[in-house]
PDB file of N, CA and C in Angstrom:
ATOM      1  N   MET A   1       5.596   4.306  -2.265  1.00  0.00           N
ATOM      2  CA  MET A   1       5.750   5.617  -2.836  1.00  0.00           C
ATOM      3  C   MET A   1       6.040   5.524  -4.332  1.00  0.00           C
ATOM      4  N   GLU A   2       6.969   4.666  -4.682  1.00  0.00           N
ATOM      5  CA  GLU A   2       7.323   4.514  -6.090  1.00  0.00           C
ATOM      6  C   GLU A   2       6.143   3.938  -6.876  1.00  0.00           C
ATOM      7  N   ILE A   3       5.444   2.983  -6.281  1.00  0.00           N
ATOM      8  CA  ILE A   3       4.291   2.402  -6.969  1.00  0.00           C
ATOM      9  C   ILE A   3       3.228   3.474  -7.194  1.00  0.00           C
ATOM     10  N   SER A   4       3.007   4.333  -6.216  1.00  0.00           N
ATOM     11  CA  SER A   4       2.032   5.422  -6.373  1.00  0.00           C
ATOM     12  C   SER A   4       2.443   6.364  -7.506  1.00  0.00           C
ATOM     13  N   ARG A   5       3.730   6.686  -7.552  1.00  0.00           N
ATOM     14  CA  ARG A   5       4.226   7.561  -8.623  1.00  0.00           C
ATOM     15  C   ARG A   5       4.018   6.899  -9.980  1.00  0.00           C
ATOM     16  N   LEU A   6       4.322   5.613 -10.055  1.00  0.00           N
ATOM     17  CA  LEU A   6       4.152   4.891 -11.320  1.00  0.00           C
ATOM     18  C   LEU A   6       2.679   4.798 -11.711  1.00  0.00           C
ATOM     19  N   CYS A   7       1.807   4.582 -10.739  1.00  0.00           N
ATOM     20  CA  CYS A   7       0.370   4.524 -11.034  1.00  0.00           C
ATOM     21  C   CYS A   7      -0.137   5.861 -11.552  1.00  0.00           C
ATOM     22  N   ASN A   8       0.373   6.941 -10.975  1.00  0.00           N
ATOM     23  CA  ASN A   8      -0.007   8.271 -11.474  1.00  0.00           C
ATOM     24  C   ASN A   8       0.462   8.463 -12.910  1.00  0.00           C
ATOM     25  N   ARG A   9       1.672   8.014 -13.202  1.00  0.00           N
ATOM     26  CA  ARG A   9       2.192   8.127 -14.573  1.00  0.00           C
ATOM     27  C   ARG A   9       1.353   7.287 -15.519  1.00  0.00           C
ATOM     28  N   TRP A  10       0.998   6.072 -15.097  1.00  0.00           N
ATOM     29  CA  TRP A  10       0.149   5.197 -15.913  1.00  0.00           C
ATOM     30  C   TRP A  10      -1.160   5.909 -16.230  1.00  0.00           C
ATOM     31  N   SER A  11      -1.751   6.535 -15.237  1.00  0.00           N
ATOM     32  CA  SER A  11      -3.020   7.246 -15.442  1.00  0.00           C
ATOM     33  C   SER A  11      -2.869   8.366 -16.460  1.00  0.00           C
ATOM     34  N   GLU A  12      -1.778   9.109 -16.360  1.00  0.00           N
ATOM     35  CA  GLU A  12      -1.529  10.178 -17.330  1.00  0.00           C
ATOM     36  C   GLU A  12      -1.435   9.620 -18.746  1.00  0.00           C
ATOM     37  N   LEU A  13      -0.707   8.531 -18.895  1.00  0.00           N
ATOM     38  CA  LEU A  13      -0.546   7.916 -20.216  1.00  0.00           C
ATOM     39  C   LEU A  13      -1.868   7.357 -20.726  1.00  0.00           C
ATOM     40  N   GLU A  14      -2.644   6.768 -19.832  1.00  0.00           N
ATOM     41  CA  GLU A  14      -3.932   6.204 -20.221  1.00  0.00           C
ATOM     42  C   GLU A  14      -4.897   7.295 -20.679  1.00  0.00           C
ATOM     43  N   VAL A  15      -4.913   8.411 -19.982  1.00  0.00           N
ATOM     44  CA  VAL A  15      -5.764   9.542 -20.383  1.00  0.00           C
ATOM     45  C   VAL A  15      -5.342  10.040 -21.760  1.00  0.00           C
ATOM     46  N   GLN A  16      -4.050  10.164 -21.946  1.00  0.00           N
ATOM     47  CA  GLN A  16      -3.527  10.597 -23.247  1.00  0.00           C
ATOM     48  C   GLN A  16      -3.945   9.612 -24.342  1.00  0.00           C
ATOM     49  N   ALA A  17      -3.821   8.323 -24.074  1.00  0.00           N
ATOM     50  CA  ALA A  17      -4.191   7.311 -25.070  1.00  0.00           C
ATOM     51  C   ALA A  17      -5.689   7.336 -25.355  1.00  0.00           C
ATOM     52  N   ALA A  18      -6.483   7.552 -24.325  1.00  0.00           N
ATOM     53  CA  ALA A  18      -7.935   7.595 -24.506  1.00  0.00           C
ATOM     54  C   ALA A  18      -8.357   8.799 -25.330  1.00  0.00           C
ATOM     55  N   LYS A  19      -7.650   9.918 -25.165  1.00  0.00           N
ATOM     56  CA  LYS A  19      -7.980  11.129 -25.921  1.00  0.00           C
ATOM     57  C   LYS A  19      -7.590  11.004 -27.393  1.00  0.00           C
ATOM     58  N   GLN A  20      -6.491  10.308 -27.656  1.00  0.00           N
ATOM     59  CA  GLN A  20      -5.960  10.255 -29.017  1.00  0.00           C
ATOM     60  C   GLN A  20      -6.388   9.027 -29.803  1.00  0.00           C
ATOM     61  N   PHE A  21      -6.761   7.957 -29.095  1.00  0.00           N
ATOM     62  CA  PHE A  21      -7.053   6.688 -29.764  1.00  0.00           C
ATOM     63  C   PHE A  21      -8.301   6.055 -29.147  1.00  0.00           C
ATOM     64  N   ASN A  22      -8.767   4.997 -29.749  1.00  0.00           N
ATOM     65  CA  ASN A  22      -9.905   4.238 -29.244  1.00  0.00           C
ATOM     66  C   ASN A  22      -9.401   3.243 -28.184  1.00  0.00           C
ATOM     67  N   TYR A  23      -8.730   3.784 -27.190  1.00  0.00           N
ATOM     68  CA  TYR A  23      -7.945   3.018 -26.216  1.00  0.00           C
ATOM     69  C   TYR A  23      -8.735   1.885 -25.543  1.00  0.00           C
ATOM     70  N   PHE A  24      -9.934   2.163 -25.088  1.00  0.00           N
ATOM     71  CA  PHE A  24     -10.677   1.188 -24.300  1.00  0.00           C
ATOM     72  C   PHE A  24     -11.246   0.038 -25.135  1.00  0.00           C
ATOM     73  N   ASN A  25     -11.103   0.119 -26.425  1.00  0.00           N
ATOM     74  CA  ASN A  25     -11.532  -0.980 -27.295  1.00  0.00           C
ATOM     75  C   ASN A  25     -10.344  -1.675 -27.956  1.00  0.00           C
ATOM     76  N   MET A  26      -9.149  -1.413 -27.463  1.00  0.00           N
ATOM     77  CA  MET A  26      -7.940  -1.976 -28.062  1.00  0.00           C
ATOM     78  C   MET A  26      -7.462  -3.199 -27.284  1.00  0.00           C
ATOM     79  N   SER A  27      -6.789  -4.080 -28.003  1.00  0.00           N
ATOM     80  CA  SER A  27      -6.162  -5.237 -27.361  1.00  0.00           C
ATOM     81  C   SER A  27      -4.846  -4.792 -26.714  1.00  0.00           C
ATOM     82  N   ASP A  28      -4.282  -5.652 -25.887  1.00  0.00           N
ATOM     83  CA  ASP A  28      -2.990  -5.335 -25.266  1.00  0.00           C
ATOM     84  C   ASP A  28      -1.914  -5.099 -26.322  1.00  0.00           C
ATOM     85  N   ALA A  29      -1.935  -5.889 -27.368  1.00  0.00           N
ATOM     86  CA  ALA A  29      -0.938  -5.732 -28.434  1.00  0.00           C
ATOM     87  C   ALA A  29      -1.097  -4.386 -29.136  1.00  0.00           C
ATOM     88  N   GLN A  30      -2.332  -3.976 -29.382  1.00  0.00           N
ATOM     89  CA  GLN A  30      -2.577  -2.686 -30.018  1.00  0.00           C
ATOM     90  C   GLN A  30      -2.133  -1.529 -29.108  1.00  0.00           C
ATOM     91  N   ILE A  31      -2.388  -1.661 -27.809  1.00  0.00           N
ATOM     92  CA  ILE A  31      -1.969  -0.626 -26.861  1.00  0.00           C
ATOM     93  C   ILE A  31      -0.452  -0.531 -26.834  1.00  0.00           C
ATOM     94  N   SER A  32       0.213  -1.664 -26.842  1.00  0.00           N
ATOM     95  CA  SER A  32       1.683  -1.668 -26.834  1.00  0.00           C
ATOM     96  C   SER A  32       2.257  -0.990 -28.060  1.00  0.00           C
ATOM     97  N   ALA A  33       1.504  -1.009 -29.167  1.00  0.00           N
ATOM     98  CA  ALA A  33       1.972  -0.404 -30.414  1.00  0.00           C
ATOM     99  C   ALA A  33       1.739   1.106 -30.469  1.00  0.00           C
ATOM    100  N   LEU A  34       0.987   1.652 -29.522  1.00  0.00           N
ATOM    101  CA  LEU A  34       0.757   3.095 -29.489  1.00  0.00           C
ATOM    102  C   LEU A  34       2.060   3.820 -29.164  1.00  0.00           C
ATOM    103  N   PRO A  35       2.140   5.120 -29.465  1.00  0.00           N
ATOM    104  CA  PRO A  35       3.361   5.871 -29.144  1.00  0.00           C
ATOM    105  C   PRO A  35       3.724   5.807 -27.652  1.00  0.00           C
ATOM    106  N   MET A  36       2.693   5.787 -26.778  1.00  0.00           N
ATOM    107  CA  MET A  36       2.950   5.714 -25.336  1.00  0.00           C
ATOM    108  C   MET A  36       2.987   4.276 -24.836  1.00  0.00           C
ATOM    109  N   GLY A  37       2.787   3.327 -25.735  1.00  0.00           N
ATOM    110  CA  GLY A  37       2.739   1.911 -25.377  1.00  0.00           C
ATOM    111  C   GLY A  37       3.990   1.383 -24.689  1.00  0.00           C
ATOM    112  N   PRO A  38       5.182   1.646 -25.232  1.00  0.00           N
ATOM    113  CA  PRO A  38       6.385   1.142 -24.568  1.00  0.00           C
ATOM    114  C   PRO A  38       6.543   1.653 -23.135  1.00  0.00           C
ATOM    115  N   GLU A  39       6.222   2.920 -22.919  1.00  0.00           N
ATOM    116  CA  GLU A  39       6.323   3.445 -21.546  1.00  0.00           C
ATOM    117  C   GLU A  39       5.262   2.815 -20.650  1.00  0.00           C
ATOM    118  N   MET A  40       4.057   2.622 -21.187  1.00  0.00           N
ATOM    119  CA  MET A  40       3.004   1.973 -20.403  1.00  0.00           C
ATOM    120  C   MET A  40       3.421   0.552 -20.042  1.00  0.00           C
ATOM    121  N   ASP A  41       4.016  -0.170 -20.992  1.00  0.00           N
ATOM    122  CA  ASP A  41       4.490  -1.523 -20.721  1.00  0.00           C
ATOM    123  C   ASP A  41       5.577  -1.524 -19.646  1.00  0.00           C
ATOM    124  N   ALA A  42       6.484  -0.545 -19.730  1.00  0.00           N
ATOM    125  CA  ALA A  42       7.569  -0.451 -18.746  1.00  0.00           C
ATOM    126  C   ALA A  42       7.016  -0.130 -17.352  1.00  0.00           C
ATOM    127  N   VAL A  43       6.053   0.786 -17.284  1.00  0.00           N
ATOM    128  CA  VAL A  43       5.433   1.138 -16.003  1.00  0.00           C
ATOM    129  C   VAL A  43       4.731  -0.085 -15.427  1.00  0.00           C
ATOM    130  N   ASP A  44       3.988  -0.787 -16.257  1.00  0.00           N
ATOM    131  CA  ASP A  44       3.282  -1.988 -15.803  1.00  0.00           C
ATOM    132  C   ASP A  44       4.259  -3.032 -15.278  1.00  0.00           C
ATOM    133  N   ALA A  45       5.332  -3.265 -16.005  1.00  0.00           N
ATOM    134  CA  ALA A  45       6.324  -4.267 -15.589  1.00  0.00           C
ATOM    135  C   ALA A  45       6.968  -3.877 -14.260  1.00  0.00           C
ATOM    136  N   GLU A  46       7.278  -2.598 -14.087  1.00  0.00           N
ATOM    137  CA  GLU A  46       7.910  -2.149 -12.844  1.00  0.00           C
ATOM    138  C   GLU A  46       6.935  -2.233 -11.670  1.00  0.00           C
ATOM    139  N   CYS A  47       5.674  -1.900 -11.890  1.00  0.00           N
ATOM    140  CA  CYS A  47       4.675  -2.031 -10.819  1.00  0.00           C
ATOM    141  C   CYS A  47       4.528  -3.486 -10.392  1.00  0.00           C
ATOM    142  N   ARG A  48       4.505  -4.381 -11.362  1.00  0.00           N
ATOM    143  CA  ARG A  48       4.406  -5.814 -11.033  1.00  0.00           C
ATOM    144  C   ARG A  48       5.641  -6.281 -10.264  1.00  0.00           C
ATOM    145  N   ARG A  49       6.810  -5.810 -10.687  1.00  0.00           N
ATOM    146  CA  ARG A  49       8.051  -6.205 -10.015  1.00  0.00           C
ATOM    147  C   ARG A  49       8.060  -5.698  -8.569  1.00  0.00           C
ATOM    148  N   LEU A  50       7.694  -4.438  -8.391  1.00  0.00           N
ATOM    149  CA  LEU A  50       7.661  -3.877  -7.043  1.00  0.00           C
ATOM    150  C   LEU A  50       6.601  -4.554  -6.169  1.00  0.00           C
ATOM    151  N   GLY A  51       5.491  -4.896  -6.765  1.00  0.00           N
ATOM    152  CA  GLY A  51       4.457  -5.630  -6.025  1.00  0.00           C
ATOM    153  C   GLY A  51       4.971  -6.982  -5.552  1.00  0.00           C
ATOM    154  N   ASP A  52       5.710  -7.670  -6.419  1.00  0.00           N
ATOM    155  CA  ASP A  52       6.297  -8.959  -6.037  1.00  0.00           C
ATOM    156  C   ASP A  52       7.313  -8.792  -4.913  1.00  0.00           C
ATOM    157  N   VAL A  53       8.118  -7.738  -4.992  1.00  0.00           N
ATOM    158  CA  VAL A  53       9.109  -7.458  -3.945  1.00  0.00           C
ATOM    159  C   VAL A  53       8.396  -7.219  -2.608  1.00  0.00           C
ATOM    160  N   CYS A  54       7.326  -6.439  -2.628  1.00  0.00           N
ATOM    161  CA  CYS A  54       6.572  -6.162  -1.400  1.00  0.00           C
ATOM    162  C   CYS A  54       5.977  -7.442  -0.821  1.00  0.00           C
ATOM    163  N   GLU A  55       5.369  -8.254  -1.669  1.00  0.00           N
ATOM    164  CA  GLU A  55       4.782  -9.506  -1.195  1.00  0.00           C
ATOM    165  C   GLU A  55       5.831 -10.408  -0.569  1.00  0.00           C
ATOM    166  N   GLU A  56       6.975 -10.495  -1.215  1.00  0.00           N
ATOM    167  CA  GLU A  56       8.055 -11.332  -0.697  1.00  0.00           C
ATOM    168  C   GLU A  56       8.541 -10.812   0.651  1.00  0.00           C
ATOM    169  N   ALA A  57       8.656  -9.508   0.774  1.00  0.00           N
ATOM    170  CA  ALA A  57       9.126  -8.910   2.028  1.00  0.00           C
ATOM    171  C   ALA A  57       8.104  -9.079   3.152  1.00  0.00           C
ATOM    172  N   LEU A  58       6.825  -9.080   2.808  1.00  0.00           N
ATOM    173  CA  LEU A  58       5.778  -9.182   3.816  1.00  0.00           C
ATOM    174  C   LEU A  58       5.464 -10.617   4.228  1.00  0.00           C
ATOM    175  N   GLU A  59       5.908 -11.571   3.440  1.00  0.00           N
ATOM    176  CA  GLU A  59       5.581 -12.969   3.733  1.00  0.00           C
ATOM    177  C   GLU A  59       5.962 -13.379   5.156  1.00  0.00           C
ATOM    178  N   PRO A  60       7.177 -13.067   5.625  1.00  0.00           N
ATOM    179  CA  PRO A  60       7.511 -13.448   7.008  1.00  0.00           C
ATOM    180  C   PRO A  60       6.609 -12.769   8.049  1.00  0.00           C
ATOM    181  N   LEU A  61       6.202 -11.536   7.781  1.00  0.00           N
ATOM    182  CA  LEU A  61       5.320 -10.844   8.724  1.00  0.00           C
ATOM    183  C   LEU A  61       3.966 -11.529   8.829  1.00  0.00           C
ATOM    184  N   GLY A  62       3.499 -12.068   7.708  1.00  0.00           N
ATOM    185  CA  GLY A  62       2.217 -12.762   7.710  1.00  0.00           C
ATOM    186  C   GLY A  62       2.218 -14.029   8.540  1.00  0.00           C
ATOM    187  N   LYS A  63       3.384 -14.543   8.825  1.00  0.00           N
ATOM    188  CA  LYS A  63       3.498 -15.777   9.614  1.00  0.00           C
ATOM    189  C   LYS A  63       3.603 -15.508  11.113  1.00  0.00           C
ATOM    190  N   LEU A  64       3.756 -14.241  11.487  1.00  0.00           N
ATOM    191  CA  LEU A  64       3.870 -13.901  12.902  1.00  0.00           C
ATOM    192  C   LEU A  64       2.521 -14.030  13.607  1.00  0.00           C
ATOM    193  N   THR A  65       2.574 -14.455  14.832  1.00  0.00           N
ATOM    194  CA  THR A  65       1.392 -14.514  15.679  1.00  0.00           C
ATOM    195  C   THR A  65       1.696 -13.718  16.943  1.00  0.00           C
ATOM    196  N   PRO A  66       0.889 -12.715  17.233  1.00  0.00           N
ATOM    197  CA  PRO A  66       1.175 -11.933  18.447  1.00  0.00           C
ATOM    198  C   PRO A  66       0.948 -12.787  19.697  1.00  0.00           C
ATOM    199  N   ARG A  67       1.840 -12.619  20.655  1.00  0.00           N
ATOM    200  CA  ARG A  67       1.721 -13.343  21.920  1.00  0.00           C
ATOM    201  C   ARG A  67       1.362 -12.406  23.067  1.00  0.00           C
ATOM    202  N   THR A  68       1.586 -11.125  22.825  1.00  0.00           N
ATOM    203  CA  THR A  68       1.281 -10.126  23.854  1.00  0.00           C
ATOM    204  C   THR A  68       0.585  -8.947  23.189  1.00  0.00           C
ATOM    205  N   ILE A  69       0.036  -8.082  23.994  1.00  0.00           N
ATOM    206  CA  ILE A  69      -0.586  -6.869  23.462  1.00  0.00           C
ATOM    207  C   ILE A  69       0.453  -5.992  22.786  1.00  0.00           C
ATOM    208  N   GLU A  70       1.676  -6.026  23.298  1.00  0.00           N
ATOM    209  CA  GLU A  70       2.754  -5.249  22.683  1.00  0.00           C
ATOM    210  C   GLU A  70       3.079  -5.786  21.288  1.00  0.00           C
ATOM    211  N   ASP A  71       3.058  -7.116  21.127  1.00  0.00           N
ATOM    212  CA  ASP A  71       3.272  -7.714  19.805  1.00  0.00           C
ATOM    213  C   ASP A  71       2.192  -7.258  18.825  1.00  0.00           C
ATOM    214  N   ALA A  72       0.937  -7.294  19.296  1.00  0.00           N
ATOM    215  CA  ALA A  72      -0.185  -6.886  18.436  1.00  0.00           C
ATOM    216  C   ALA A  72      -0.071  -5.414  18.073  1.00  0.00           C
ATOM    217  N   THR A  73       0.336  -4.593  19.028  1.00  0.00           N
ATOM    218  CA  THR A  73       0.508  -3.164  18.770  1.00  0.00           C
ATOM    219  C   THR A  73       1.608  -2.939  17.746  1.00  0.00           C
ATOM    220  N   ALA A  74       2.710  -3.663  17.871  1.00  0.00           N
ATOM    221  CA  ALA A  74       3.807  -3.524  16.912  1.00  0.00           C
ATOM    222  C   ALA A  74       3.363  -3.950  15.511  1.00  0.00           C
ATOM    223  N   MET A  75       2.598  -5.034  15.432  1.00  0.00           N
ATOM    224  CA  MET A  75       2.107  -5.490  14.124  1.00  0.00           C
ATOM    225  C   MET A  75       1.182  -4.451  13.512  1.00  0.00           C
ATOM    226  N   LEU A  76       0.341  -3.862  14.326  1.00  0.00           N
ATOM    227  CA  LEU A  76      -0.564  -2.819  13.838  1.00  0.00           C
ATOM    228  C   LEU A  76       0.226  -1.604  13.364  1.00  0.00           C
ATOM    229  N   ALA A  77       1.287  -1.250  14.071  1.00  0.00           N
ATOM    230  CA  ALA A  77       2.127  -0.122  13.660  1.00  0.00           C
ATOM    231  C   ALA A  77       2.773  -0.394  12.304  1.00  0.00           C
ATOM    232  N   ILE A  78       3.225  -1.633  12.083  1.00  0.00           N
ATOM    233  CA  ILE A  78       3.806  -1.999  10.781  1.00  0.00           C
ATOM    234  C   ILE A  78       2.751  -1.879   9.692  1.00  0.00           C
ATOM    235  N   ALA A  79       1.559  -2.399   9.960  1.00  0.00           N
ATOM    236  CA  ALA A  79       0.470  -2.310   8.977  1.00  0.00           C
ATOM    237  C   ALA A  79       0.158  -0.857   8.656  1.00  0.00           C
ATOM    238  N   TYR A  80       0.122  -0.025   9.687  1.00  0.00           N
ATOM    239  CA  TYR A  80      -0.152   1.391   9.463  1.00  0.00           C
ATOM    240  C   TYR A  80       0.892   2.010   8.548  1.00  0.00           C
ATOM    241  N   ARG A  81       2.156   1.764   8.844  1.00  0.00           N
ATOM    242  CA  ARG A  81       3.222   2.356   8.031  1.00  0.00           C
ATOM    243  C   ARG A  81       3.130   1.904   6.582  1.00  0.00           C
ATOM    244  N   LEU A  82       2.860   0.622   6.382  1.00  0.00           N
ATOM    245  CA  LEU A  82       2.738   0.114   5.014  1.00  0.00           C
ATOM    246  C   LEU A  82       1.556   0.746   4.299  1.00  0.00           C
ATOM    247  N   LEU A  83       0.427   0.833   4.982  1.00  0.00           N
ATOM    248  CA  LEU A  83      -0.751   1.456   4.371  1.00  0.00           C
ATOM    249  C   LEU A  83      -0.501   2.922   4.079  1.00  0.00           C
ATOM    250  N   ARG A  84       0.205   3.579   4.969  1.00  0.00           N
ATOM    251  CA  ARG A  84       0.506   5.002   4.783  1.00  0.00           C
ATOM    252  C   ARG A  84       1.335   5.206   3.524  1.00  0.00           C
ATOM    253  N   LEU A  85       2.288   4.305   3.294  1.00  0.00           N
ATOM    254  CA  LEU A  85       3.126   4.411   2.096  1.00  0.00           C
ATOM    255  C   LEU A  85       2.329   4.111   0.831  1.00  0.00           C
ATOM    256  N   GLN A  86       1.392   3.172   0.928  1.00  0.00           N
ATOM    257  CA  GLN A  86       0.657   2.753  -0.257  1.00  0.00           C
ATOM    258  C   GLN A  86      -0.577   3.595  -0.528  1.00  0.00           C
ATOM    259  N   GLU A  87      -1.283   3.972   0.514  1.00  0.00           N
ATOM    260  CA  GLU A  87      -2.590   4.602   0.348  1.00  0.00           C
ATOM    261  C   GLU A  87      -2.623   6.072   0.756  1.00  0.00           C
ATOM    262  N   ASP A  88      -1.582   6.575   1.375  1.00  0.00           N
ATOM    263  CA  ASP A  88      -1.504   7.931   1.922  1.00  0.00           C
ATOM    264  C   ASP A  88      -2.240   8.087   3.246  1.00  0.00           C
ATOM    265  N   THR A  89      -3.324   7.370   3.466  1.00  0.00           N
ATOM    266  CA  THR A  89      -3.987   7.379   4.769  1.00  0.00           C
ATOM    267  C   THR A  89      -4.324   5.941   5.137  1.00  0.00           C
ATOM    268  N   PRO A  90      -4.244   5.608   6.413  1.00  0.00           N
ATOM    269  CA  PRO A  90      -4.575   4.239   6.807  1.00  0.00           C
ATOM    270  C   PRO A  90      -6.064   3.979   6.680  1.00  0.00           C
ATOM    271  N   TRP A  91      -6.416   2.722   6.565  1.00  0.00           N
ATOM    272  CA  TRP A  91      -7.823   2.350   6.487  1.00  0.00           C
ATOM    273  C   TRP A  91      -8.500   2.710   7.796  1.00  0.00           C
ATOM    274  N   PRO A  92      -9.788   3.063   7.760  1.00  0.00           N
ATOM    275  CA  PRO A  92     -10.499   3.467   8.982  1.00  0.00           C
ATOM    276  C   PRO A  92     -10.410   2.431  10.109  1.00  0.00           C
ATOM    277  N   PHE A  93     -10.472   1.138   9.791  1.00  0.00           N
ATOM    278  CA  PHE A  93     -10.414   0.140  10.865  1.00  0.00           C
ATOM    279  C   PHE A  93      -9.057   0.136  11.556  1.00  0.00           C
ATOM    280  N   VAL A  94      -7.994   0.502  10.836  1.00  0.00           N
ATOM    281  CA  VAL A  94      -6.677   0.597  11.459  1.00  0.00           C
ATOM    282  C   VAL A  94      -6.656   1.772  12.432  1.00  0.00           C
ATOM    283  N   ASN A  95      -7.225   2.893  12.024  1.00  0.00           N
ATOM    284  CA  ASN A  95      -7.325   4.047  12.926  1.00  0.00           C
ATOM    285  C   ASN A  95      -8.131   3.693  14.177  1.00  0.00           C
ATOM    286  N   LYS A  96      -9.249   2.986  13.998  1.00  0.00           N
ATOM    287  CA  LYS A  96     -10.087   2.611  15.137  1.00  0.00           C
ATOM    288  C   LYS A  96      -9.336   1.676  16.079  1.00  0.00           C
ATOM    289  N   ALA A  97      -8.625   0.711  15.516  1.00  0.00           N
ATOM    290  CA  ALA A  97      -7.867  -0.226  16.351  1.00  0.00           C
ATOM    291  C   ALA A  97      -6.795   0.516  17.140  1.00  0.00           C
ATOM    292  N   TRP A  98      -6.104   1.451  16.466  1.00  0.00           N
ATOM    293  CA  TRP A  98      -5.057   2.202  17.157  1.00  0.00           C
ATOM    294  C   TRP A  98      -5.662   3.082  18.254  1.00  0.00           C
ATOM    295  N   THR A  99      -6.792   3.699  17.987  1.00  0.00           N
ATOM    296  CA  THR A  99      -7.460   4.522  18.994  1.00  0.00           C
ATOM    297  C   THR A  99      -7.814   3.690  20.216  1.00  0.00           C
ATOM    298  N   PHE A 100      -8.352   2.497  19.983  1.00  0.00           N
ATOM    299  CA  PHE A 100      -8.683   1.602  21.094  1.00  0.00           C
ATOM    300  C   PHE A 100      -7.436   1.259  21.907  1.00  0.00           C
ATOM    301  N   LEU A 101      -6.381   0.850  21.208  1.00  0.00           N
ATOM    302  CA  LEU A 101      -5.160   0.465  21.911  1.00  0.00           C
ATOM    303  C   LEU A 101      -4.528   1.636  22.652  1.00  0.00           C
ATOM    304  N   SER A 102      -4.650   2.836  22.099  1.00  0.00           N
ATOM    305  CA  SER A 102      -4.033   3.993  22.746  1.00  0.00           C
ATOM    306  C   SER A 102      -4.765   4.385  24.030  1.00  0.00           C
ATOM    307  N   LYS A 103      -5.999   3.928  24.183  1.00  0.00           N
ATOM    308  CA  LYS A 103      -6.759   4.208  25.410  1.00  0.00           C
ATOM    309  C   LYS A 103      -6.668   3.070  26.421  1.00  0.00           C
ATOM    310  N   ALA A 104      -6.180   1.905  25.965  1.00  0.00           N
ATOM    311  CA  ALA A 104      -6.090   0.740  26.842  1.00  0.00           C
ATOM    312  C   ALA A 104      -4.788   0.784  27.637  1.00  0.00           C
ATOM    313  N   HIS A 105      -4.857   0.302  28.861  1.00  0.00           N
ATOM    314  CA  HIS A 105      -3.690   0.304  29.749  1.00  0.00           C
ATOM    315  C   HIS A 105      -3.497  -1.074  30.371  1.00  0.00           C
ATOM    316  N   CYS A 106      -2.268  -1.381  30.666  1.00  0.00           N
ATOM    317  CA  CYS A 106      -1.916  -2.625  31.334  1.00  0.00           C
ATOM    318  C   CYS A 106      -2.544  -2.624  32.728  1.00  0.00           C
ATOM    319  N   PRO A 107      -3.286  -3.666  33.058  1.00  0.00           N
ATOM    320  CA  PRO A 107      -3.898  -3.694  34.381  1.00  0.00           C
ATOM    321  C   PRO A 107      -2.867  -3.824  35.509  1.00  0.00           C
ATOM    322  N   GLY A 108      -1.699  -4.370  35.191  1.00  0.00           N
ATOM    323  CA  GLY A 108      -0.675  -4.559  36.211  1.00  0.00           C
ATOM    324  C   GLY A 108       0.095  -3.295  36.543  1.00  0.00           C
ATOM    325  N   CYS A 109       0.579  -2.607  35.487  1.00  0.00           N
ATOM    326  CA  CYS A 109       1.447  -1.445  35.730  1.00  0.00           C
ATOM    327  C   CYS A 109       0.826  -0.124  35.314  1.00  0.00           C
ATOM    328  N   GLY A 110      -0.263  -0.172  34.566  1.00  0.00           N
ATOM    329  CA  GLY A 110      -0.933   1.048  34.137  1.00  0.00           C
ATOM    330  C   GLY A 110      -0.358   1.694  32.894  1.00  0.00           C
ATOM    331  N   ALA A 111       0.664   1.074  32.300  1.00  0.00           N
ATOM    332  CA  ALA A 111       1.282   1.647  31.100  1.00  0.00           C
ATOM    333  C   ALA A 111       0.329   1.539  29.911  1.00  0.00           C
ATOM    334  N   ALA A 112       0.361   2.558  29.061  1.00  0.00           N
ATOM    335  CA  ALA A 112      -0.456   2.547  27.845  1.00  0.00           C
ATOM    336  C   ALA A 112       0.084   1.472  26.891  1.00  0.00           C
ATOM    337  N   TYR A 113      -0.823   0.802  26.197  1.00  0.00           N
ATOM    338  CA  TYR A 113      -0.410  -0.212  25.234  1.00  0.00           C
ATOM    339  C   TYR A 113       0.122   0.403  23.952  1.00  0.00           C
ATOM    340  N   ALA A 114      -0.306   1.610  23.649  1.00  0.00           N
ATOM    341  CA  ALA A 114       0.120   2.263  22.402  1.00  0.00           C
ATOM    342  C   ALA A 114       0.182   3.760  22.624  1.00  0.00           C
ATOM    343  N   ALA A 115       0.930   4.420  21.776  1.00  0.00           N
ATOM    344  CA  ALA A 115       1.007   5.889  21.816  1.00  0.00           C
ATOM    345  C   ALA A 115      -0.345   6.484  21.458  1.00  0.00           C
ATOM    346  N   LYS A 116      -0.569   7.735  21.821  1.00  0.00           N
ATOM    347  CA  LYS A 116      -1.858   8.391  21.544  1.00  0.00           C
ATOM    348  C   LYS A 116      -2.115   8.569  20.052  1.00  0.00           C
ATOM    349  N   THR A 117      -1.070   8.718  19.272  1.00  0.00           N
ATOM    350  CA  THR A 117      -1.243   8.882  17.829  1.00  0.00           C
ATOM    351  C   THR A 117      -0.490   7.787  17.105  1.00  0.00           C
ATOM    352  N   LEU A 118      -0.909   7.513  15.877  1.00  0.00           N
ATOM    353  CA  LEU A 118      -0.236   6.515  15.072  1.00  0.00           C
ATOM    354  C   LEU A 118       1.175   6.973  14.719  1.00  0.00           C
ATOM    355  N   PRO A 119       2.120   6.042  14.668  1.00  0.00           N
ATOM    356  CA  PRO A 119       3.477   6.427  14.290  1.00  0.00           C
ATOM    357  C   PRO A 119       3.534   6.847  12.827  1.00  0.00           C
ATOM    358  N   VAL A 120       4.428   7.742  12.520  1.00  0.00           N
ATOM    359  CA  VAL A 120       4.587   8.205  11.142  1.00  0.00           C
ATOM    360  C   VAL A 120       5.751   7.514  10.494  1.00  0.00           C
TER     361      VAL A 120
END
């Protein structure tokens, strides 16, 4: 959420810089010297920091291997939540996977492997 807000702010600043200056032909040093340069640098630094925090937090999840359908469903739910926070909507393949799992049932007990809708 914060990264999305910062990206929106970056876009606003970039549009402003493009309207007022020859922004797309400037070096990084020249951009930093613009009136909006310090804020753009701060936004960039914070986005990079938050990206590093996310990667570090996700590293243990990347090492997990599902052993059951319930494990796979839980991993998919985590992926959905993360995508929802970052992209506002999950990727189509995540929706398709969840739809498949929500229709699948345990052959032993008949329980659904996943809820009918993605968790929010």
